[in-house]
Amino acid sequence: MKSIIENINKIFDHRVRLGIMSALMVNDYVDFNSLKELLGVTDGNLASHLKSLEKEKYIHIHKEFIGKKPNTKYSSTKLGTLEFKKHINALEQLIKGRL
């Protein structure tokens, strides 16, 4: 039998990445400034965590211009959604004591 702890994904250990994915799970997309405000982090800190999620192919980046201003939006990929759900399910099982 596979251990529940094997489904806990190290990528989601950090609260900022957990917050990013949580926001993306309930929205089709979220823009950079909204994520920054929601999570209360700096530009550099958020960018670093977004890069980590992008490297794993858990998020997709949508870049566009609104007028002359750049606007970057993020969405969860199918892989990101699957892995995040597995992670949350494993945490729920641990909390419920179902090892």
PDB file of N, CA and C in Angstrom:
ATOM      1  N   MET A   1       0.838  -1.185   0.000  1.00  0.00           N
ATOM      2  CA  MET A   1       0.000   0.000   0.000  1.00  0.00           C
ATOM      3  C   MET A   1       0.884   1.250   0.000  1.00  0.00           C
ATOM      4  N   LYS A   2       0.531   2.206  -0.838  1.00  0.00           N
ATOM      5  CA  LYS A   2       1.287   3.445  -0.960  1.00  0.00           C
ATOM      6  C   LYS A   2       1.010   4.345   0.246  1.00  0.00           C
ATOM      7  N   SER A   3       2.048   4.895   0.809  1.00  0.00           N
ATOM      8  CA  SER A   3       1.912   5.784   1.960  1.00  0.00           C
ATOM      9  C   SER A   3       1.309   7.116   1.530  1.00  0.00           C
ATOM     10  N   ILE A   4       0.401   7.637   2.338  1.00  0.00           N
ATOM     11  CA  ILE A   4      -0.237   8.931   2.049  1.00  0.00           C
ATOM     12  C   ILE A   4       0.807  10.037   1.959  1.00  0.00           C
ATOM     13  N   ILE A   5       1.819   9.941   2.770  1.00  0.00           N
ATOM     14  CA  ILE A   5       2.830  11.001   2.813  1.00  0.00           C
ATOM     15  C   ILE A   5       3.567  11.141   1.475  1.00  0.00           C
ATOM     16  N   GLU A   6       3.569  10.102   0.667  1.00  0.00           N
ATOM     17  CA  GLU A   6       4.200  10.171  -0.651  1.00  0.00           C
ATOM     18  C   GLU A   6       3.475  11.152  -1.566  1.00  0.00           C
ATOM     19  N   ASN A   7       2.217  11.448  -1.289  1.00  0.00           N
ATOM     20  CA  ASN A   7       1.453  12.392  -2.111  1.00  0.00           C
ATOM     21  C   ASN A   7       1.600  13.835  -1.639  1.00  0.00           C
ATOM     22  N   ILE A   8       2.332  14.043  -0.556  1.00  0.00           N
ATOM     23  CA  ILE A   8       2.600  15.416  -0.126  1.00  0.00           C
ATOM     24  C   ILE A   8       3.741  15.945  -0.989  1.00  0.00           C
ATOM     25  N   ASN A   9       3.436  17.000  -1.716  1.00  0.00           N
ATOM     26  CA  ASN A   9       4.351  17.541  -2.714  1.00  0.00           C
ATOM     27  C   ASN A   9       5.203  18.650  -2.103  1.00  0.00           C
ATOM     28  N   LYS A  10       6.501  18.469  -2.107  1.00  0.00           N
ATOM     29  CA  LYS A  10       7.445  19.427  -1.518  1.00  0.00           C
ATOM     30  C   LYS A  10       7.300  20.822  -2.124  1.00  0.00           C
ATOM     31  N   ILE A  11       6.934  20.905  -3.374  1.00  0.00           N
ATOM     32  CA  ILE A  11       6.762  22.207  -4.034  1.00  0.00           C
ATOM     33  C   ILE A  11       5.728  23.057  -3.304  1.00  0.00           C
ATOM     34  N   PHE A  12       4.707  22.431  -2.740  1.00  0.00           N
ATOM     35  CA  PHE A  12       3.642  23.170  -2.075  1.00  0.00           C
ATOM     36  C   PHE A  12       3.903  23.380  -0.585  1.00  0.00           C
ATOM     37  N   ASP A  13       5.090  23.039  -0.103  1.00  0.00           N
ATOM     38  CA  ASP A  13       5.424  23.211   1.307  1.00  0.00           C
ATOM     39  C   ASP A  13       5.446  24.674   1.734  1.00  0.00           C
ATOM     40  N   HIS A  14       5.845  25.548   0.848  1.00  0.00           N
ATOM     41  CA  HIS A  14       5.950  26.959   1.207  1.00  0.00           C
ATOM     42  C   HIS A  14       4.584  27.636   1.146  1.00  0.00           C
ATOM     43  N   ARG A  15       4.297  28.474   2.123  1.00  0.00           N
ATOM     44  CA  ARG A  15       2.978  29.097   2.226  1.00  0.00           C
ATOM     45  C   ARG A  15       2.626  29.956   1.010  1.00  0.00           C
ATOM     46  N   VAL A  16       3.617  30.593   0.385  1.00  0.00           N
ATOM     47  CA  VAL A  16       3.323  31.431  -0.783  1.00  0.00           C
ATOM     48  C   VAL A  16       2.892  30.558  -1.961  1.00  0.00           C
ATOM     49  N   ARG A  17       3.606  29.467  -2.211  1.00  0.00           N
ATOM     50  CA  ARG A  17       3.215  28.580  -3.318  1.00  0.00           C
ATOM     51  C   ARG A  17       1.876  27.904  -3.032  1.00  0.00           C
ATOM     52  N   LEU A  18       1.637  27.569  -1.781  1.00  0.00           N
ATOM     53  CA  LEU A  18       0.347  27.013  -1.381  1.00  0.00           C
ATOM     54  C   LEU A  18      -0.760  28.043  -1.643  1.00  0.00           C
ATOM     55  N   GLY A  19      -0.495  29.293  -1.313  1.00  0.00           N
ATOM     56  CA  GLY A  19      -1.461  30.367  -1.544  1.00  0.00           C
ATOM     57  C   GLY A  19      -1.710  30.624  -3.014  1.00  0.00           C
ATOM     58  N   ILE A  20      -0.655  30.611  -3.804  1.00  0.00           N
ATOM     59  CA  ILE A  20      -0.796  30.814  -5.257  1.00  0.00           C
ATOM     60  C   ILE A  20      -1.701  29.738  -5.842  1.00  0.00           C
ATOM     61  N   MET A  21      -1.383  28.492  -5.537  1.00  0.00           N
ATOM     62  CA  MET A  21      -2.173  27.397  -6.104  1.00  0.00           C
ATOM     63  C   MET A  21      -3.604  27.405  -5.587  1.00  0.00           C
ATOM     64  N   SER A  22      -3.800  27.758  -4.330  1.00  0.00           N
ATOM     65  CA  SER A  22      -5.151  27.836  -3.783  1.00  0.00           C
ATOM     66  C   SER A  22      -5.974  28.872  -4.548  1.00  0.00           C
ATOM     67  N   ALA A  23      -5.376  30.019  -4.807  1.00  0.00           N
ATOM     68  CA  ALA A  23      -6.074  31.074  -5.559  1.00  0.00           C
ATOM     69  C   ALA A  23      -6.384  30.616  -6.985  1.00  0.00           C
ATOM     70  N   LEU A  24      -5.450  29.896  -7.598  1.00  0.00           N
ATOM     71  CA  LEU A  24      -5.650  29.449  -8.979  1.00  0.00           C
ATOM     72  C   LEU A  24      -6.668  28.314  -9.085  1.00  0.00           C
ATOM     73  N   MET A  25      -6.873  27.607  -7.995  1.00  0.00           N
ATOM     74  CA  MET A  25      -7.844  26.505  -8.022  1.00  0.00           C
ATOM     75  C   MET A  25      -9.283  27.012  -8.055  1.00  0.00           C
ATOM     76  N   VAL A  26      -9.518  28.212  -7.555  1.00  0.00           N
ATOM     77  CA  VAL A  26     -10.880  28.740  -7.497  1.00  0.00           C
ATOM     78  C   VAL A  26     -11.125  29.877  -8.497  1.00  0.00           C
ATOM     79  N   ASN A  27     -10.127  30.183  -9.314  1.00  0.00           N
ATOM     80  CA  ASN A  27     -10.244  31.211 -10.347  1.00  0.00           C
ATOM     81  C   ASN A  27      -9.675  30.666 -11.652  1.00  0.00           C
ATOM     82  N   ASP A  28     -10.239  31.092 -12.766  1.00  0.00           N
ATOM     83  CA  ASP A  28      -9.696  30.685 -14.064  1.00  0.00           C
ATOM     84  C   ASP A  28      -8.278  31.216 -14.233  1.00  0.00           C
ATOM     85  N   TYR A  29      -8.049  32.437 -13.768  1.00  0.00           N
ATOM     86  CA  TYR A  29      -6.727  33.042 -13.792  1.00  0.00           C
ATOM     87  C   TYR A  29      -6.687  34.137 -12.738  1.00  0.00           C
ATOM     88  N   VAL A  30      -5.478  34.516 -12.327  1.00  0.00           N
ATOM     89  CA  VAL A  30      -5.277  35.608 -11.378  1.00  0.00           C
ATOM     90  C   VAL A  30      -4.076  36.407 -11.867  1.00  0.00           C
ATOM     91  N   ASP A  31      -4.192  37.741 -11.858  1.00  0.00           N
ATOM     92  CA  ASP A  31      -3.071  38.556 -12.322  1.00  0.00           C
ATOM     93  C   ASP A  31      -2.047  38.767 -11.202  1.00  0.00           C
ATOM     94  N   PHE A  32      -0.873  39.206 -11.600  1.00  0.00           N
ATOM     95  CA  PHE A  32       0.268  39.343 -10.686  1.00  0.00           C
ATOM     96  C   PHE A  32      -0.069  40.240  -9.500  1.00  0.00           C
ATOM     97  N   ASN A  33      -0.619  41.423  -9.771  1.00  0.00           N
ATOM     98  CA  ASN A  33      -0.902  42.364  -8.686  1.00  0.00           C
ATOM     99  C   ASN A  33      -1.946  41.832  -7.714  1.00  0.00           C
ATOM    100  N   SER A  34      -2.926  41.109  -8.217  1.00  0.00           N
ATOM    101  CA  SER A  34      -3.942  40.519  -7.331  1.00  0.00           C
ATOM    102  C   SER A  34      -3.322  39.464  -6.425  1.00  0.00           C
ATOM    103  N   LEU A  35      -2.447  38.633  -6.982  1.00  0.00           N
ATOM    104  CA  LEU A  35      -1.754  37.626  -6.171  1.00  0.00           C
ATOM    105  C   LEU A  35      -0.883  38.303  -5.117  1.00  0.00           C
ATOM    106  N   LYS A  36      -0.173  39.344  -5.520  1.00  0.00           N
ATOM    107  CA  LYS A  36       0.709  40.060  -4.602  1.00  0.00           C
ATOM    108  C   LYS A  36      -0.086  40.641  -3.432  1.00  0.00           C
ATOM    109  N   GLU A  37      -1.213  41.257  -3.736  1.00  0.00           N
ATOM    110  CA  GLU A  37      -2.057  41.846  -2.697  1.00  0.00           C
ATOM    111  C   GLU A  37      -2.677  40.761  -1.807  1.00  0.00           C
ATOM    112  N   LEU A  38      -3.190  39.715  -2.429  1.00  0.00           N
ATOM    113  CA  LEU A  38      -3.820  38.620  -1.686  1.00  0.00           C
ATOM    114  C   LEU A  38      -2.854  37.972  -0.697  1.00  0.00           C
ATOM    115  N   LEU A  39      -1.636  37.738  -1.149  1.00  0.00           N
ATOM    116  CA  LEU A  39      -0.662  37.009  -0.338  1.00  0.00           C
ATOM    117  C   LEU A  39       0.211  37.905   0.543  1.00  0.00           C
ATOM    118  N   GLY A  40       0.180  39.209   0.279  1.00  0.00           N
ATOM    119  CA  GLY A  40       0.967  40.139   1.084  1.00  0.00           C
ATOM    120  C   GLY A  40       2.466  39.944   0.947  1.00  0.00           C
ATOM    121  N   VAL A  41       2.924  39.774  -0.290  1.00  0.00           N
ATOM    122  CA  VAL A  41       4.346  39.544  -0.551  1.00  0.00           C
ATOM    123  C   VAL A  41       4.890  40.614  -1.488  1.00  0.00           C
ATOM    124  N   THR A  42       6.199  40.681  -1.587  1.00  0.00           N
ATOM    125  CA  THR A  42       6.847  41.641  -2.484  1.00  0.00           C
ATOM    126  C   THR A  42       6.849  41.106  -3.917  1.00  0.00           C
ATOM    127  N   ASP A  43       7.135  41.987  -4.859  1.00  0.00           N
ATOM    128  CA  ASP A  43       7.226  41.589  -6.265  1.00  0.00           C
ATOM    129  C   ASP A  43       8.236  40.464  -6.456  1.00  0.00           C
ATOM    130  N   GLY A  44       9.434  40.662  -5.897  1.00  0.00           N
ATOM    131  CA  GLY A  44      10.505  39.676  -6.071  1.00  0.00           C
ATOM    132  C   GLY A  44      10.185  38.341  -5.441  1.00  0.00           C
ATOM    133  N   ASN A  45       9.589  38.381  -4.255  1.00  0.00           N
ATOM    134  CA  ASN A  45       9.235  37.144  -3.575  1.00  0.00           C
ATOM    135  C   ASN A  45       8.193  36.376  -4.378  1.00  0.00           C
ATOM    136  N   LEU A  46       7.162  37.068  -4.835  1.00  0.00           N
ATOM    137  CA  LEU A  46       6.122  36.418  -5.630  1.00  0.00           C
ATOM    138  C   LEU A  46       6.696  35.865  -6.926  1.00  0.00           C
ATOM    139  N   ALA A  47       7.505  36.660  -7.609  1.00  0.00           N
ATOM    140  CA  ALA A  47       8.100  36.227  -8.874  1.00  0.00           C
ATOM    141  C   ALA A  47       8.923  34.958  -8.695  1.00  0.00           C
ATOM    142  N   SER A  48       9.656  34.880  -7.600  1.00  0.00           N
ATOM    143  CA  SER A  48      10.477  33.707  -7.321  1.00  0.00           C
ATOM    144  C   SER A  48       9.618  32.448  -7.166  1.00  0.00           C
ATOM    145  N   HIS A  49       8.530  32.563  -6.434  1.00  0.00           N
ATOM    146  CA  HIS A  49       7.657  31.404  -6.219  1.00  0.00           C
ATOM    147  C   HIS A  49       6.893  31.031  -7.494  1.00  0.00           C
ATOM    148  N   LEU A  50       6.510  32.028  -8.259  1.00  0.00           N
ATOM    149  CA  LEU A  50       5.843  31.745  -9.537  1.00  0.00           C
ATOM    150  C   LEU A  50       6.798  31.011 -10.482  1.00  0.00           C
ATOM    151  N   LYS A  51       8.057  31.409 -10.464  1.00  0.00           N
ATOM    152  CA  LYS A  51       9.060  30.752 -11.306  1.00  0.00           C
ATOM    153  C   LYS A  51       9.217  29.281 -10.917  1.00  0.00           C
ATOM    154  N   SER A  52       9.199  29.004  -9.620  1.00  0.00           N
ATOM    155  CA  SER A  52       9.301  27.616  -9.145  1.00  0.00           C
ATOM    156  C   SER A  52       8.122  26.778  -9.642  1.00  0.00           C
ATOM    157  N   LEU A  53       6.923  27.338  -9.573  1.00  0.00           N
ATOM    158  CA  LEU A  53       5.736  26.612 -10.042  1.00  0.00           C
ATOM    159  C   LEU A  53       5.747  26.450 -11.554  1.00  0.00           C
ATOM    160  N   GLU A  54       6.232  27.472 -12.259  1.00  0.00           N
ATOM    161  CA  GLU A  54       6.313  27.381 -13.720  1.00  0.00           C
ATOM    162  C   GLU A  54       7.331  26.314 -14.137  1.00  0.00           C
ATOM    163  N   LYS A  55       8.452  26.250 -13.443  1.00  0.00           N
ATOM    164  CA  LYS A  55       9.495  25.261 -13.740  1.00  0.00           C
ATOM    165  C   LYS A  55       8.941  23.834 -13.662  1.00  0.00           C
ATOM    166  N   GLU A  56       8.048  23.600 -12.697  1.00  0.00           N
ATOM    167  CA  GLU A  56       7.427  22.286 -12.531  1.00  0.00           C
ATOM    168  C   GLU A  56       6.255  22.057 -13.490  1.00  0.00           C
ATOM    169  N   LYS A  57       5.935  23.090 -14.271  1.00  0.00           N
ATOM    170  CA  LYS A  57       4.814  23.055 -15.215  1.00  0.00           C
ATOM    171  C   LYS A  57       3.456  22.961 -14.507  1.00  0.00           C
ATOM    172  N   TYR A  58       3.374  23.587 -13.330  1.00  0.00           N
ATOM    173  CA  TYR A  58       2.138  23.606 -12.545  1.00  0.00           C
ATOM    174  C   TYR A  58       1.285  24.826 -12.852  1.00  0.00           C
ATOM    175  N   ILE A  59       1.906  25.862 -13.421  1.00  0.00           N
ATOM    176  CA  ILE A  59       1.147  27.052 -13.801  1.00  0.00           C
ATOM    177  C   ILE A  59       1.484  27.449 -15.227  1.00  0.00           C
ATOM    178  N   HIS A  60       0.558  28.186 -15.822  1.00  0.00           N
ATOM    179  CA  HIS A  60       0.758  28.726 -17.170  1.00  0.00           C
ATOM    180  C   HIS A  60       0.720  30.242 -17.057  1.00  0.00           C
ATOM    181  N   ILE A  61       1.588  30.909 -17.791  1.00  0.00           N
ATOM    182  CA  ILE A  61       1.673  32.364 -17.759  1.00  0.00           C
ATOM    183  C   ILE A  61       1.059  32.930 -19.034  1.00  0.00           C
ATOM    184  N   HIS A  62       0.164  33.906 -18.860  1.00  0.00           N
ATOM    185  CA  HIS A  62      -0.484  34.596 -19.983  1.00  0.00           C
ATOM    186  C   HIS A  62      -0.035  36.054 -19.923  1.00  0.00           C
ATOM    187  N   LYS A  63       0.725  36.497 -20.921  1.00  0.00           N
ATOM    188  CA  LYS A  63       1.194  37.883 -20.942  1.00  0.00           C
ATOM    189  C   LYS A  63       0.461  38.628 -22.049  1.00  0.00           C
ATOM    190  N   GLU A  64       0.019  39.843 -21.710  1.00  0.00           N
ATOM    191  CA  GLU A  64      -0.661  40.684 -22.685  1.00  0.00           C
ATOM    192  C   GLU A  64      -0.432  42.138 -22.308  1.00  0.00           C
ATOM    193  N   PHE A  65      -0.811  43.024 -23.200  1.00  0.00           N
ATOM    194  CA  PHE A  65      -0.743  44.445 -22.917  1.00  0.00           C
ATOM    195  C   PHE A  65      -2.149  44.993 -22.861  1.00  0.00           C
ATOM    196  N   ILE A  66      -2.397  45.827 -21.865  1.00  0.00           N
ATOM    197  CA  ILE A  66      -3.650  46.559 -21.776  1.00  0.00           C
ATOM    198  C   ILE A  66      -3.252  48.009 -21.991  1.00  0.00           C
ATOM    199  N   GLY A  67      -3.561  48.488 -23.186  1.00  0.00           N
ATOM    200  CA  GLY A  67      -3.017  49.782 -23.585  1.00  0.00           C
ATOM    201  C   GLY A  67      -1.521  49.614 -23.754  1.00  0.00           C
ATOM    202  N   LYS A  68      -0.758  50.388 -23.021  1.00  0.00           N
ATOM    203  CA  LYS A  68       0.703  50.273 -23.079  1.00  0.00           C
ATOM    204  C   LYS A  68       1.281  49.576 -21.857  1.00  0.00           C
ATOM    205  N   LYS A  69       0.394  49.125 -20.972  1.00  0.00           N
ATOM    206  CA  LYS A  69       0.862  48.479 -19.741  1.00  0.00           C
ATOM    207  C   LYS A  69       0.829  46.956 -19.868  1.00  0.00           C
ATOM    208  N   PRO A  70       1.917  46.297 -19.447  1.00  0.00           N
ATOM    209  CA  PRO A  70       1.913  44.833 -19.458  1.00  0.00           C
ATOM    210  C   PRO A  70       0.998  44.293 -18.359  1.00  0.00           C
ATOM    211  N   ASN A  71       0.344  43.203 -18.659  1.00  0.00           N
ATOM    212  CA  ASN A  71      -0.517  42.531 -17.687  1.00  0.00           C
ATOM    213  C   ASN A  71      -0.202  41.041 -17.762  1.00  0.00           C
ATOM    214  N   THR A  72       0.207  40.477 -16.644  1.00  0.00           N
ATOM    215  CA  THR A  72       0.550  39.064 -16.590  1.00  0.00           C
ATOM    216  C   THR A  72      -0.469  38.347 -15.727  1.00  0.00           C
ATOM    217  N   LYS A  73      -1.052  37.300 -16.302  1.00  0.00           N
ATOM    218  CA  LYS A  73      -2.032  36.484 -15.586  1.00  0.00           C
ATOM    219  C   LYS A  73      -1.504  35.065 -15.496  1.00  0.00           C
ATOM    220  N   TYR A  74      -1.949  34.367 -14.466  1.00  0.00           N
ATOM    221  CA  TYR A  74      -1.504  33.007 -14.221  1.00  0.00           C
ATOM    222  C   TYR A  74      -2.709  32.091 -14.089  1.00  0.00           C
ATOM    223  N   SER A  75      -2.546  30.868 -14.554  1.00  0.00           N
ATOM    224  CA  SER A  75      -3.581  29.856 -14.390  1.00  0.00           C
ATOM    225  C   SER A  75      -2.904  28.528 -14.073  1.00  0.00           C
ATOM    226  N   SER A  76      -3.673  27.628 -13.487  1.00  0.00           N
ATOM    227  CA  SER A  76      -3.150  26.305 -13.164  1.00  0.00           C
ATOM    228  C   SER A  76      -3.201  25.426 -14.410  1.00  0.00           C
ATOM    229  N   THR A  77      -2.165  24.636 -14.613  1.00  0.00           N
ATOM    230  CA  THR A  77      -2.185  23.666 -15.700  1.00  0.00           C
ATOM    231  C   THR A  77      -2.940  22.418 -15.219  1.00  0.00           C
ATOM    232  N   LYS A  78      -3.230  21.516 -16.137  1.00  0.00           N
ATOM    233  CA  LYS A  78      -3.879  20.253 -15.742  1.00  0.00           C
ATOM    234  C   LYS A  78      -3.005  19.500 -14.749  1.00  0.00           C
ATOM    235  N   LEU A  79      -1.698  19.481 -15.016  1.00  0.00           N
ATOM    236  CA  LEU A  79      -0.762  18.808 -14.115  1.00  0.00           C
ATOM    237  C   LEU A  79      -0.760  19.496 -12.749  1.00  0.00           C
ATOM    238  N   GLY A  80      -0.729  20.825 -12.738  1.00  0.00           N
ATOM    239  CA  GLY A  80      -0.738  21.568 -11.494  1.00  0.00           C
ATOM    240  C   GLY A  80      -1.986  21.292 -10.678  1.00  0.00           C
ATOM    241  N   THR A  81      -3.126  21.268 -11.348  1.00  0.00           N
ATOM    242  CA  THR A  81      -4.393  20.983 -10.671  1.00  0.00           C
ATOM    243  C   THR A  81      -4.387  19.580 -10.071  1.00  0.00           C
ATOM    244  N   LEU A  82      -3.943  18.606 -10.855  1.00  0.00           N
ATOM    245  CA  LEU A  82      -3.889  17.220 -10.388  1.00  0.00           C
ATOM    246  C   LEU A  82      -2.967  17.082  -9.178  1.00  0.00           C
ATOM    247  N   GLU A  83      -1.767  17.625  -9.275  1.00  0.00           N
ATOM    248  CA  GLU A  83      -0.792  17.499  -8.186  1.00  0.00           C
ATOM    249  C   GLU A  83      -1.245  18.245  -6.937  1.00  0.00           C
ATOM    250  N   PHE A  84      -1.874  19.404  -7.112  1.00  0.00           N
ATOM    251  CA  PHE A  84      -2.336  20.158  -5.947  1.00  0.00           C
ATOM    252  C   PHE A  84      -3.479  19.416  -5.252  1.00  0.00           C
ATOM    253  N   LYS A  85      -4.384  18.836  -6.018  1.00  0.00           N
ATOM    254  CA  LYS A  85      -5.484  18.070  -5.418  1.00  0.00           C
ATOM    255  C   LYS A  85      -4.947  16.860  -4.662  1.00  0.00           C
ATOM    256  N   LYS A  86      -3.947  16.175  -5.221  1.00  0.00           N
ATOM    257  CA  LYS A  86      -3.333  15.047  -4.528  1.00  0.00           C
ATOM    258  C   LYS A  86      -2.697  15.507  -3.216  1.00  0.00           C
ATOM    259  N   HIS A  87      -2.034  16.649  -3.262  1.00  0.00           N
ATOM    260  CA  HIS A  87      -1.384  17.205  -2.083  1.00  0.00           C
ATOM    261  C   HIS A  87      -2.409  17.519  -0.990  1.00  0.00           C
ATOM    262  N   ILE A  88      -3.460  18.229  -1.350  1.00  0.00           N
ATOM    263  CA  ILE A  88      -4.502  18.608  -0.390  1.00  0.00           C
ATOM    264  C   ILE A  88      -5.197  17.368   0.170  1.00  0.00           C
ATOM    265  N   ASN A  89      -5.473  16.404  -0.687  1.00  0.00           N
ATOM    266  CA  ASN A  89      -6.109  15.159  -0.235  1.00  0.00           C
ATOM    267  C   ASN A  89      -5.221  14.433   0.783  1.00  0.00           C
ATOM    268  N   ALA A  90      -3.924  14.381   0.515  1.00  0.00           N
ATOM    269  CA  ALA A  90      -3.000  13.722   1.449  1.00  0.00           C
ATOM    270  C   ALA A  90      -2.977  14.452   2.788  1.00  0.00           C
ATOM    271  N   LEU A  91      -2.977  15.786   2.759  1.00  0.00           N
ATOM    272  CA  LEU A  91      -3.010  16.551   4.007  1.00  0.00           C
ATOM    273  C   LEU A  91      -4.302  16.284   4.781  1.00  0.00           C
ATOM    274  N   GLU A  92      -5.420  16.235   4.061  1.00  0.00           N
ATOM    275  CA  GLU A  92      -6.709  15.949   4.714  1.00  0.00           C
ATOM    276  C   GLU A  92      -6.697  14.568   5.354  1.00  0.00           C
ATOM    277  N   GLN A  93      -6.109  13.588   4.670  1.00  0.00           N
ATOM    278  CA  GLN A  93      -6.046  12.236   5.215  1.00  0.00           C
ATOM    279  C   GLN A  93      -5.173  12.200   6.467  1.00  0.00           C
ATOM    280  N   LEU A  94      -4.095  12.947   6.471  1.00  0.00           N
ATOM    281  CA  LEU A  94      -3.237  13.015   7.656  1.00  0.00           C
ATOM    282  C   LEU A  94      -3.963  13.667   8.826  1.00  0.00           C
ATOM    283  N   ILE A  95      -4.683  14.742   8.540  1.00  0.00           N
ATOM    284  CA  ILE A  95      -5.434  15.437   9.588  1.00  0.00           C
ATOM    285  C   ILE A  95      -6.504  14.524  10.186  1.00  0.00           C
ATOM    286  N   LYS A  96      -7.131  13.733   9.338  1.00  0.00           N
ATOM    287  CA  LYS A  96      -8.179  12.824   9.799  1.00  0.00           C
ATOM    288  C   LYS A  96      -7.597  11.581  10.453  1.00  0.00           C
ATOM    289  N   GLY A  97      -6.287  11.425  10.399  1.00  0.00           N
ATOM    290  CA  GLY A  97      -5.646  10.286  11.030  1.00  0.00           C
ATOM    291  C   GLY A  97      -5.764   8.996  10.252  1.00  0.00           C
ATOM    292  N   ARG A  98      -5.919   9.105   8.953  1.00  0.00           N
ATOM    293  CA  ARG A  98      -6.073   7.903   8.107  1.00  0.00           C
ATOM    294  C   ARG A  98      -4.757   7.550   7.445  1.00  0.00           C
ATOM    295  N   LEU A  99      -3.838   7.138   8.229  1.00  0.00           N
ATOM    296  CA  LEU A  99      -2.549   6.726   7.694  1.00  0.00           C
ATOM    297  C   LEU A  99      -2.680   5.337   7.227  1.00  0.00           C
TER     298      LEU A  99
END
